[in-house]
């Protein structure tokens, strides 16, 4: 299994289980509408190669800010939406980059299945 297949497998697990465990902390996905998933997917496909290289230039852009809001309005930590936990990333900065990769892929997974034919 190549690296891309491994990533797709991880995205599938997170998508199906609705949970991503990062540094022993559980991030729970709530429901995403088609429009929300589409916004995340479009962004993910735009920055996927950058993510693979470890290039996070996009974190300072408005487009990421909009996508981050979509994600944080539908993912909880400790029963509270991330959008309501204003200090979450100050408290757990070590989770942030792993969270980005996991959420972009897991939320996009329904579309990735179609792209990959599975």
Protein backbone atom coordinates (compact mmCIF):
# COMPACT_ATOMS: atom_id res chain seq x y z
CA UNK A 1 0.00 0.00 0.00
CA UNK A 2 1.48 3.33 -1.03
CA UNK A 3 1.43 6.56 0.97
CA UNK A 4 -1.61 7.92 -0.86
CA UNK A 5 -3.58 4.72 -0.19
CA UNK A 6 -2.61 4.88 3.49
CA UNK A 7 -3.82 8.47 3.73
CA UNK A 8 -7.10 7.58 2.02
CA UNK A 9 -7.57 4.69 4.46
CA UNK A 10 -7.02 7.04 7.41
CA UNK A 11 -9.45 9.61 5.97
CA UNK A 12 -12.04 6.86 5.49
CA UNK A 13 -11.68 5.70 9.10
CA UNK A 14 -12.09 9.22 10.46
CA UNK A 15 -15.03 9.89 8.14
CA UNK A 16 -16.83 6.68 9.11
CA UNK A 17 -16.02 6.78 12.84
CA UNK A 18 -16.65 10.55 13.03
CA UNK A 19 -13.64 10.88 15.32
CA UNK A 20 -9.97 11.79 14.94
CA UNK A 21 -7.67 11.14 17.86
CA UNK A 22 -4.71 13.50 17.85
CA UNK A 23 -2.20 13.45 20.69
CA UNK A 24 -4.68 11.48 22.84
CA UNK A 25 -7.42 14.09 22.26
CA UNK A 26 -10.63 13.16 20.45
CA UNK A 27 -12.00 15.52 17.83
CA UNK A 28 -15.56 14.54 16.92
CA UNK A 29 -17.09 15.40 13.56
CA UNK A 30 -20.74 16.43 13.56
CA UNK A 31 -22.86 16.61 10.41
CA UNK A 32 -21.56 18.48 7.38
CA UNK A 33 -23.87 19.63 4.60
CA UNK A 34 -22.98 18.99 0.98
CA UNK A 35 -22.11 22.68 0.56
CA UNK A 36 -19.79 22.60 3.57
CA UNK A 37 -18.04 19.43 2.37
CA UNK A 38 -17.72 20.92 -1.10
CA UNK A 39 -16.05 24.07 0.25
CA UNK A 40 -13.56 21.96 2.24
CA UNK A 41 -12.94 19.61 -0.70
CA UNK A 42 -12.29 22.44 -3.16
CA UNK A 43 -9.77 23.95 -0.76
CA UNK A 44 -8.18 20.56 -0.01
CA UNK A 45 -7.59 19.79 -3.68
CA UNK A 46 -6.06 23.25 -4.11
CA UNK A 47 -3.50 22.78 -1.30
CA UNK A 48 -3.06 18.98 -1.26
CA UNK A 49 0.37 19.05 -2.91
CA UNK A 50 1.50 21.78 -0.52
CA UNK A 51 0.35 19.72 2.47
CA UNK A 52 2.31 16.73 1.19
CA UNK A 53 5.44 18.92 1.04
CA UNK A 54 4.81 20.39 4.48
CA UNK A 55 4.19 23.83 2.99
CA UNK A 56 1.52 25.64 4.99
CA UNK A 57 1.68 29.01 3.23
CA UNK A 58 -2.11 29.08 3.00
CA UNK A 59 -2.68 29.38 6.77
CA UNK A 60 -2.51 33.17 6.58
CA UNK A 61 -5.02 33.49 3.75
CA UNK A 62 -8.69 34.42 3.79
CA UNK A 63 -9.67 31.26 1.93
CA UNK A 64 -8.21 29.11 4.72
CA UNK A 65 -9.89 31.32 7.33
CA UNK A 66 -13.26 30.64 5.67
CA UNK A 67 -12.62 26.89 5.49
CA UNK A 68 -11.37 26.82 9.08
CA UNK A 69 -14.67 28.38 10.21
CA UNK A 70 -16.64 25.68 8.39
CA UNK A 71 -14.56 22.97 10.06
CA UNK A 72 -14.57 24.49 13.54
CA UNK A 73 -18.35 24.98 13.40
CA UNK A 74 -18.82 21.24 12.92
CA UNK A 75 -16.05 19.60 14.99
CA UNK A 76 -16.15 19.25 18.75
CA UNK A 77 -13.55 18.69 21.42
CA UNK A 78 -14.69 17.64 24.87
CA UNK A 79 -18.31 18.16 23.79
CA UNK A 80 -17.85 21.78 22.69
CA UNK A 81 -17.60 23.09 19.13
CA UNK A 82 -14.10 24.28 18.37
CA UNK A 83 -15.59 27.58 17.21
CA UNK A 84 -16.78 28.13 20.79
CA UNK A 85 -13.41 27.23 22.35
CA UNK A 86 -11.58 30.45 21.57
CA UNK A 87 -8.35 29.37 23.26
CA UNK A 88 -8.25 25.78 22.02
CA UNK A 89 -5.31 26.17 19.63
CA UNK A 90 -3.42 28.25 22.20
CA UNK A 91 -3.90 25.37 24.62
CA UNK A 92 -3.05 22.60 22.14
CA UNK A 93 -0.91 24.08 19.34
CA UNK A 94 0.75 20.70 18.78
CA UNK A 95 -2.56 19.33 17.47
CA UNK A 96 -3.17 22.03 14.87
CA UNK A 97 -1.17 20.82 11.85
CA UNK A 98 -2.21 17.20 12.35
CA UNK A 99 -5.81 18.37 12.76
CA UNK A 100 -5.70 20.30 9.48
CA UNK A 101 -4.50 17.30 7.48
CA UNK A 102 -6.92 14.90 9.13
CA UNK A 103 -9.98 17.13 8.80
CA UNK A 104 -9.38 18.27 5.24
CA UNK A 105 -9.04 14.67 4.11
CA UNK A 106 -11.80 13.15 6.24
CA UNK A 107 -14.38 15.79 5.37
CA UNK A 108 -13.43 15.49 1.68
CA UNK A 109 -13.54 11.69 1.76
CA UNK A 110 -16.98 11.27 0.10
CA UNK A 111 -15.63 13.15 -2.93
CA UNK A 112 -12.26 11.37 -2.87
CA UNK A 113 -14.02 8.03 -3.22
CA UNK A 114 -15.51 9.28 -6.47
CA UNK A 115 -12.21 10.64 -7.73
CA UNK A 116 -10.38 7.40 -6.87
CA UNK A 117 -13.18 5.16 -8.13
CA UNK A 118 -13.88 3.42 -4.85
